[in-house]
PDB file of all heavy atoms in Angstrom:
ATOM      1  N   MET A   1      -0.735  -4.714 -15.514  1.00  0.00           N
ATOM      2  CA  MET A   1      -2.181  -4.609 -15.705  1.00  0.00           C
ATOM      3  C   MET A   1      -2.962  -4.432 -14.401  1.00  0.00           C
ATOM      4  O   MET A   1      -3.595  -3.398 -14.190  1.00  0.00           O
ATOM      5  CB  MET A   1      -2.697  -5.836 -16.468  1.00  0.00           C
ATOM      6  CG  MET A   1      -2.241  -5.884 -17.911  1.00  0.00           C
ATOM      7  SD  MET A   1      -2.652  -7.458 -18.732  1.00  0.00           S
ATOM      8  CE  MET A   1      -4.370  -7.634 -18.384  1.00  0.00           C
ATOM      9  N   LEU A   2      -2.940  -5.443 -13.533  1.00  0.00           N
ATOM     10  CA  LEU A   2      -3.812  -5.428 -12.353  1.00  0.00           C
ATOM     11  C   LEU A   2      -3.500  -4.284 -11.392  1.00  0.00           C
ATOM     12  O   LEU A   2      -4.418  -3.646 -10.870  1.00  0.00           O
ATOM     13  CB  LEU A   2      -3.756  -6.770 -11.623  1.00  0.00           C
ATOM     14  CG  LEU A   2      -4.400  -7.948 -12.365  1.00  0.00           C
ATOM     15  CD1 LEU A   2      -4.204  -9.247 -11.595  1.00  0.00           C
ATOM     16  CD2 LEU A   2      -5.881  -7.700 -12.601  1.00  0.00           C
ATOM     17  N   LYS A   3      -2.220  -4.034 -11.130  1.00  0.00           N
ATOM     18  CA  LYS A   3      -1.873  -2.923 -10.233  1.00  0.00           C
ATOM     19  C   LYS A   3      -2.412  -1.592 -10.761  1.00  0.00           C
ATOM     20  O   LYS A   3      -2.911  -0.771 -10.006  1.00  0.00           O
ATOM     21  CB  LYS A   3      -0.361  -2.845 -10.023  1.00  0.00           C
ATOM     22  CG  LYS A   3       0.156  -3.800  -8.962  1.00  0.00           C
ATOM     23  CD  LYS A   3       1.643  -3.623  -8.742  1.00  0.00           C
ATOM     24  CE  LYS A   3       2.183  -4.584  -7.714  1.00  0.00           C
ATOM     25  NZ  LYS A   3       1.933  -4.158  -6.337  1.00  0.00           N
ATOM     26  N   SER A   4      -2.312  -1.408 -12.092  1.00  0.00           N
ATOM     27  CA  SER A   4      -2.796  -0.162 -12.708  1.00  0.00           C
ATOM     28  C   SER A   4      -4.311  -0.067 -12.655  1.00  0.00           C
ATOM     29  O   SER A   4      -4.864   0.999 -12.393  1.00  0.00           O
ATOM     30  CB  SER A   4      -2.333  -0.081 -14.164  1.00  0.00           C
ATOM     31  OG  SER A   4      -0.931  -0.106 -14.230  1.00  0.00           O
ATOM     32  N   ILE A   5      -4.970  -1.179 -12.923  1.00  0.00           N
ATOM     33  CA  ILE A   5      -6.440  -1.174 -12.954  1.00  0.00           C
ATOM     34  C   ILE A   5      -7.027  -0.983 -11.561  1.00  0.00           C
ATOM     35  O   ILE A   5      -7.926  -0.162 -11.353  1.00  0.00           O
ATOM     36  CB  ILE A   5      -6.975  -2.482 -13.589  1.00  0.00           C
ATOM     37  CG1 ILE A   5      -6.614  -2.540 -15.077  1.00  0.00           C
ATOM     38  CG2 ILE A   5      -8.484  -2.622 -13.397  1.00  0.00           C
ATOM     39  CD1 ILE A   5      -6.797  -3.905 -15.716  1.00  0.00           C
ATOM     40  N   VAL A   6      -6.529  -1.743 -10.581  1.00  0.00           N
ATOM     41  CA  VAL A   6      -7.121  -1.724  -9.237  1.00  0.00           C
ATOM     42  C   VAL A   6      -6.663  -0.500  -8.444  1.00  0.00           C
ATOM     43  O   VAL A   6      -7.466   0.172  -7.800  1.00  0.00           O
ATOM     44  CB  VAL A   6      -6.808  -3.034  -8.477  1.00  0.00           C
ATOM     45  CG1 VAL A   6      -7.351  -2.988  -7.052  1.00  0.00           C
ATOM     46  CG2 VAL A   6      -7.371  -4.229  -9.240  1.00  0.00           C
ATOM     47  N   GLY A   7      -5.374  -0.223  -8.452  1.00  0.00           N
ATOM     48  CA  GLY A   7      -4.850   0.963  -7.771  1.00  0.00           C
ATOM     49  C   GLY A   7      -5.090   0.992  -6.266  1.00  0.00           C
ATOM     50  O   GLY A   7      -5.357   2.052  -5.694  1.00  0.00           O
ATOM     51  N   ARG A   8      -4.982  -0.143  -5.618  1.00  0.00           N
ATOM     52  CA  ARG A   8      -5.237  -0.228  -4.171  1.00  0.00           C
ATOM     53  C   ARG A   8      -4.102   0.405  -3.377  1.00  0.00           C
ATOM     54  O   ARG A   8      -2.937   0.128  -3.611  1.00  0.00           O
ATOM     55  CB  ARG A   8      -5.392  -1.694  -3.780  1.00  0.00           C
ATOM     56  CG  ARG A   8      -5.893  -1.915  -2.371  1.00  0.00           C
ATOM     57  CD  ARG A   8      -6.048  -3.399  -2.072  1.00  0.00           C
ATOM     58  NE  ARG A   8      -6.906  -3.628  -0.941  1.00  0.00           N
ATOM     59  CZ  ARG A   8      -7.136  -4.822  -0.410  1.00  0.00           C
ATOM     60  NH1 ARG A   8      -6.572  -5.904  -0.920  1.00  0.00           N
ATOM     61  NH2 ARG A   8      -7.930  -4.957   0.627  1.00  0.00           N
ATOM     62  N   VAL A   9      -4.469   1.229  -2.424  1.00  0.00           N
ATOM     63  CA  VAL A   9      -3.498   1.918  -1.569  1.00  0.00           C
ATOM     64  C   VAL A   9      -2.877   0.907  -0.601  1.00  0.00           C
ATOM     65  O   VAL A   9      -3.535  -0.029  -0.152  1.00  0.00           O
ATOM     66  CB  VAL A   9      -4.194   3.060  -0.789  1.00  0.00           C
ATOM     67  CG1 VAL A   9      -3.218   3.763   0.154  1.00  0.00           C
ATOM     68  CG2 VAL A   9      -4.802   4.063  -1.757  1.00  0.00           C
ATOM     69  N   ARG A  10      -1.608   1.091  -0.290  1.00  0.00           N
ATOM     70  CA  ARG A  10      -0.908   0.197   0.641  1.00  0.00           C
ATOM     71  C   ARG A  10      -1.583   0.211   2.013  1.00  0.00           C
ATOM     72  O   ARG A  10      -2.051   1.259   2.471  1.00  0.00           O
ATOM     73  CB  ARG A  10       0.552   0.628   0.790  1.00  0.00           C
ATOM     74  CG  ARG A  10       1.372   0.467  -0.476  1.00  0.00           C
ATOM     75  CD  ARG A  10       1.797  -0.947  -0.673  1.00  0.00           C
ATOM     76  NE  ARG A  10       2.515  -1.119  -1.944  1.00  0.00           N
ATOM     77  CZ  ARG A  10       3.097  -2.243  -2.311  1.00  0.00           C
ATOM     78  NH1 ARG A  10       3.059  -3.302  -1.537  1.00  0.00           N
ATOM     79  NH2 ARG A  10       3.715  -2.325  -3.472  1.00  0.00           N
ATOM     80  N   PRO A  11      -1.624  -0.939   2.686  1.00  0.00           N
ATOM     81  CA  PRO A  11      -2.364  -1.015   3.957  1.00  0.00           C
ATOM     82  C   PRO A  11      -1.831  -0.099   5.046  1.00  0.00           C
ATOM     83  O   PRO A  11      -2.607   0.447   5.831  1.00  0.00           O
ATOM     84  CB  PRO A  11      -2.235  -2.485   4.355  1.00  0.00           C
ATOM     85  CG  PRO A  11      -1.111  -3.042   3.557  1.00  0.00           C
ATOM     86  CD  PRO A  11      -1.070  -2.244   2.298  1.00  0.00           C
ATOM     87  N   TYR A  12      -0.506   0.080   5.112  1.00  0.00           N
ATOM     88  CA  TYR A  12       0.048   0.918   6.185  1.00  0.00           C
ATOM     89  C   TYR A  12      -0.371   2.379   6.043  1.00  0.00           C
ATOM     90  O   TYR A  12      -0.226   3.158   6.976  1.00  0.00           O
ATOM     91  CB  TYR A  12       1.577   0.792   6.248  1.00  0.00           C
ATOM     92  CG  TYR A  12       2.295   1.119   4.961  1.00  0.00           C
ATOM     93  CD1 TYR A  12       2.543   2.431   4.581  1.00  0.00           C
ATOM     94  CD2 TYR A  12       2.733   0.101   4.114  1.00  0.00           C
ATOM     95  CE1 TYR A  12       3.199   2.721   3.396  1.00  0.00           C
ATOM     96  CE2 TYR A  12       3.392   0.379   2.934  1.00  0.00           C
ATOM     97  CZ  TYR A  12       3.621   1.697   2.573  1.00  0.00           C
ATOM     98  OH  TYR A  12       4.267   1.985   1.388  1.00  0.00           O
ATOM     99  N   GLU A  13      -0.911   2.754   4.874  1.00  0.00           N
ATOM    100  CA  GLU A  13      -1.376   4.128   4.668  1.00  0.00           C
ATOM    101  C   GLU A  13      -2.818   4.346   5.130  1.00  0.00           C
ATOM    102  O   GLU A  13      -3.235   5.481   5.344  1.00  0.00           O
ATOM    103  CB  GLU A  13      -1.248   4.512   3.189  1.00  0.00           C
ATOM    104  CG  GLU A  13       0.197   4.568   2.709  1.00  0.00           C
ATOM    105  CD  GLU A  13       0.310   4.926   1.239  1.00  0.00           C
ATOM    106  OE1 GLU A  13      -0.688   5.371   0.640  1.00  0.00           O
ATOM    107  OE2 GLU A  13       1.406   4.757   0.682  1.00  0.00           O
ATOM    108  N   VAL A  14      -3.579   3.241   5.262  1.00  0.00           N
ATOM    109  CA  VAL A  14      -5.004   3.408   5.567  1.00  0.00           C
ATOM    110  C   VAL A  14      -5.508   2.609   6.781  1.00  0.00           C
ATOM    111  O   VAL A  14      -6.533   2.965   7.353  1.00  0.00           O
ATOM    112  CB  VAL A  14      -5.881   3.058   4.329  1.00  0.00           C
ATOM    113  CG1 VAL A  14      -5.692   4.086   3.236  1.00  0.00           C
ATOM    114  CG2 VAL A  14      -5.614   1.669   3.810  1.00  0.00           C
ATOM    115  N   VAL A  15      -4.811   1.539   7.150  1.00  0.00           N
ATOM    116  CA  VAL A  15      -5.290   0.726   8.275  1.00  0.00           C
ATOM    117  C   VAL A  15      -4.861   1.388   9.582  1.00  0.00           C
ATOM    118  O   VAL A  15      -3.666   1.538   9.858  1.00  0.00           O
ATOM    119  CB  VAL A  15      -4.752  -0.723   8.193  1.00  0.00           C
ATOM    120  CG1 VAL A  15      -5.193  -1.520   9.424  1.00  0.00           C
ATOM    121  CG2 VAL A  15      -5.229  -1.403   6.916  1.00  0.00           C
ATOM    122  N   SER A  16      -5.841   1.755  10.370  1.00  0.00           N
ATOM    123  CA  SER A  16      -5.575   2.464  11.623  1.00  0.00           C
ATOM    124  C   SER A  16      -4.753   1.597  12.582  1.00  0.00           C
ATOM    125  O   SER A  16      -5.113   0.454  12.865  1.00  0.00           O
ATOM    126  CB  SER A  16      -6.910   2.839  12.260  1.00  0.00           C
ATOM    127  OG  SER A  16      -6.696   3.509  13.473  1.00  0.00           O
ATOM    128  N   GLY A  17      -3.632   2.140  13.035  1.00  0.00           N
ATOM    129  CA  GLY A  17      -2.776   1.444  13.997  1.00  0.00           C
ATOM    130  C   GLY A  17      -1.715   0.551  13.372  1.00  0.00           C
ATOM    131  O   GLY A  17      -0.835   0.059  14.078  1.00  0.00           O
ATOM    132  N   LEU A  18      -1.781   0.328  12.051  1.00  0.00           N
ATOM    133  CA  LEU A  18      -0.801  -0.548  11.399  1.00  0.00           C
ATOM    134  C   LEU A  18       0.480   0.223  11.099  1.00  0.00           C
ATOM    135  O   LEU A  18       0.435   1.308  10.519  1.00  0.00           O
ATOM    136  CB  LEU A  18      -1.370  -1.126  10.097  1.00  0.00           C
ATOM    137  CG  LEU A  18      -0.436  -2.078   9.343  1.00  0.00           C
ATOM    138  CD1 LEU A  18      -0.209  -3.369  10.122  1.00  0.00           C
ATOM    139  CD2 LEU A  18      -0.997  -2.387   7.952  1.00  0.00           C
ATOM    140  N   GLN A  19       1.597  -0.343  11.505  1.00  0.00           N
ATOM    141  CA  GLN A  19       2.900   0.246  11.201  1.00  0.00           C
ATOM    142  C   GLN A  19       3.676  -0.732  10.332  1.00  0.00           C
ATOM    143  O   GLN A  19       3.715  -1.926  10.619  1.00  0.00           O
ATOM    144  CB  GLN A  19       3.675   0.524  12.492  1.00  0.00           C
ATOM    145  CG  GLN A  19       3.003   1.543  13.373  1.00  0.00           C
ATOM    146  CD  GLN A  19       3.740   1.736  14.688  1.00  0.00           C
ATOM    147  OE1 GLN A  19       4.531   0.896  15.108  1.00  0.00           O
ATOM    148  NE2 GLN A  19       3.469   2.848  15.349  1.00  0.00           N
ATOM    149  N   ARG A  20       4.276  -0.213   9.289  1.00  0.00           N
ATOM    150  CA  ARG A  20       5.064  -1.089   8.412  1.00  0.00           C
ATOM    151  C   ARG A  20       6.433  -1.320   9.026  1.00  0.00           C
ATOM    152  O   ARG A  20       6.916  -0.534   9.842  1.00  0.00           O
ATOM    153  CB  ARG A  20       5.200  -0.494   7.013  1.00  0.00           C
ATOM    154  CG  ARG A  20       6.119   0.697   6.945  1.00  0.00           C
ATOM    155  CD  ARG A  20       6.345   1.195   5.520  1.00  0.00           C
ATOM    156  NE  ARG A  20       7.366   2.208   5.517  1.00  0.00           N
ATOM    157  CZ  ARG A  20       7.156   3.501   5.731  1.00  0.00           C
ATOM    158  NH1 ARG A  20       5.922   3.933   5.946  1.00  0.00           N
ATOM    159  NH2 ARG A  20       8.159   4.356   5.733  1.00  0.00           N
ATOM    160  N   VAL A  21       7.057  -2.422   8.593  1.00  0.00           N
ATOM    161  CA  VAL A  21       8.443  -2.707   8.956  1.00  0.00           C
ATOM    162  C   VAL A  21       9.261  -2.453   7.700  1.00  0.00           C
ATOM    163  O   VAL A  21       8.994  -3.037   6.655  1.00  0.00           O
ATOM    164  CB  VAL A  21       8.609  -4.171   9.420  1.00  0.00           C
ATOM    165  CG1 VAL A  21      10.078  -4.476   9.710  1.00  0.00           C
ATOM    166  CG2 VAL A  21       7.743  -4.452  10.639  1.00  0.00           C
ATOM    167  N   GLY A  22      10.242  -1.583   7.776  1.00  0.00           N
ATOM    168  CA  GLY A  22      11.070  -1.294   6.603  1.00  0.00           C
ATOM    169  C   GLY A  22      10.569  -0.113   5.805  1.00  0.00           C
ATOM    170  O   GLY A  22       9.743   0.674   6.275  1.00  0.00           O
ATOM    171  N   ASN A  23      11.073  -0.026   4.583  1.00  0.00           N
ATOM    172  CA  ASN A  23      10.794   1.132   3.727  1.00  0.00           C
ATOM    173  C   ASN A  23       9.387   1.119   3.151  1.00  0.00           C
ATOM    174  O   ASN A  23       8.777   0.064   2.982  1.00  0.00           O
ATOM    175  CB  ASN A  23      11.797   1.174   2.565  1.00  0.00           C
ATOM    176  CG  ASN A  23      13.218   1.341   3.060  1.00  0.00           C
ATOM    177  OD1 ASN A  23      13.454   1.968   4.083  1.00  0.00           O
ATOM    178  ND2 ASN A  23      14.163   0.757   2.350  1.00  0.00           N
ATOM    179  N   ALA A  24       8.914   2.316   2.796  1.00  0.00           N
ATOM    180  CA  ALA A  24       7.629   2.447   2.112  1.00  0.00           C
ATOM    181  C   ALA A  24       7.774   1.955   0.673  1.00  0.00           C
ATOM    182  O   ALA A  24       8.860   2.004   0.096  1.00  0.00           O
ATOM    183  CB  ALA A  24       7.191   3.908   2.122  1.00  0.00           C
ATOM    184  N   GLU A  25       6.692   1.456   0.119  1.00  0.00           N
ATOM    185  CA  GLU A  25       6.671   0.990  -1.264  1.00  0.00           C
ATOM    186  C   GLU A  25       6.217   2.133  -2.167  1.00  0.00           C
ATOM    187  O   GLU A  25       5.449   2.998  -1.745  1.00  0.00           O
ATOM    188  CB  GLU A  25       5.721  -0.205  -1.402  1.00  0.00           C
ATOM    189  CG  GLU A  25       6.070  -1.378  -0.502  1.00  0.00           C
ATOM    190  CD  GLU A  25       7.253  -2.194  -0.990  1.00  0.00           C
ATOM    191  OE1 GLU A  25       7.541  -2.178  -2.197  1.00  0.00           O
ATOM    192  OE2 GLU A  25       7.882  -2.863  -0.151  1.00  0.00           O
ATOM    193  N   THR A  26       6.652   2.106  -3.418  1.00  0.00           N
ATOM    194  CA  THR A  26       6.346   3.218  -4.320  1.00  0.00           C
ATOM    195  C   THR A  26       5.170   2.942  -5.247  1.00  0.00           C
ATOM    196  O   THR A  26       4.662   3.859  -5.886  1.00  0.00           O
ATOM    197  CB  THR A  26       7.576   3.565  -5.184  1.00  0.00           C
ATOM    198  OG1 THR A  26       7.987   2.391  -5.897  1.00  0.00           O
ATOM    199  CG2 THR A  26       8.720   4.070  -4.333  1.00  0.00           C
ATOM    200  N   ASP A  27       4.739   1.675  -5.346  1.00  0.00           N
ATOM    201  CA  ASP A  27       3.625   1.363  -6.242  1.00  0.00           C
ATOM    202  C   ASP A  27       2.386   0.981  -5.434  1.00  0.00           C
ATOM    203  O   ASP A  27       2.369   1.103  -4.212  1.00  0.00           O
ATOM    204  CB  ASP A  27       4.017   0.255  -7.230  1.00  0.00           C
ATOM    205  CG  ASP A  27       4.403  -1.045  -6.537  1.00  0.00           C
ATOM    206  OD1 ASP A  27       4.528  -1.056  -5.299  1.00  0.00           O
ATOM    207  OD2 ASP A  27       4.568  -2.055  -7.229  1.00  0.00           O
ATOM    208  N   THR A  28       1.353   0.519  -6.142  1.00  0.00           N
ATOM    209  CA  THR A  28       0.106   0.160  -5.468  1.00  0.00           C
ATOM    210  C   THR A  28       0.182  -1.250  -4.893  1.00  0.00           C
ATOM    211  O   THR A  28       1.124  -1.990  -5.161  1.00  0.00           O
ATOM    212  CB  THR A  28      -1.078   0.291  -6.442  1.00  0.00           C
ATOM    213  OG1 THR A  28      -0.830  -0.517  -7.591  1.00  0.00           O
ATOM    214  CG2 THR A  28      -1.272   1.735  -6.875  1.00  0.00           C
ATOM    215  N   SER A  29      -0.849  -1.616  -4.150  1.00  0.00           N
ATOM    216  CA  SER A  29      -0.792  -2.820  -3.327  1.00  0.00           C
ATOM    217  C   SER A  29      -1.292  -4.097  -3.995  1.00  0.00           C
ATOM    218  O   SER A  29      -0.763  -5.174  -3.742  1.00  0.00           O
ATOM    219  CB  SER A  29      -1.597  -2.571  -2.051  1.00  0.00           C
ATOM    220  OG  SER A  29      -1.443  -3.609  -1.133  1.00  0.00           O
TER     221      SER A  29
END
């Protein structure tokens, strides 16, 4: 429910300078 309704993009995709550790996630945040 909530992931579908909110649909927030993962932070590493939008926060300037943020790098993720490990693999990218396939769903919303």
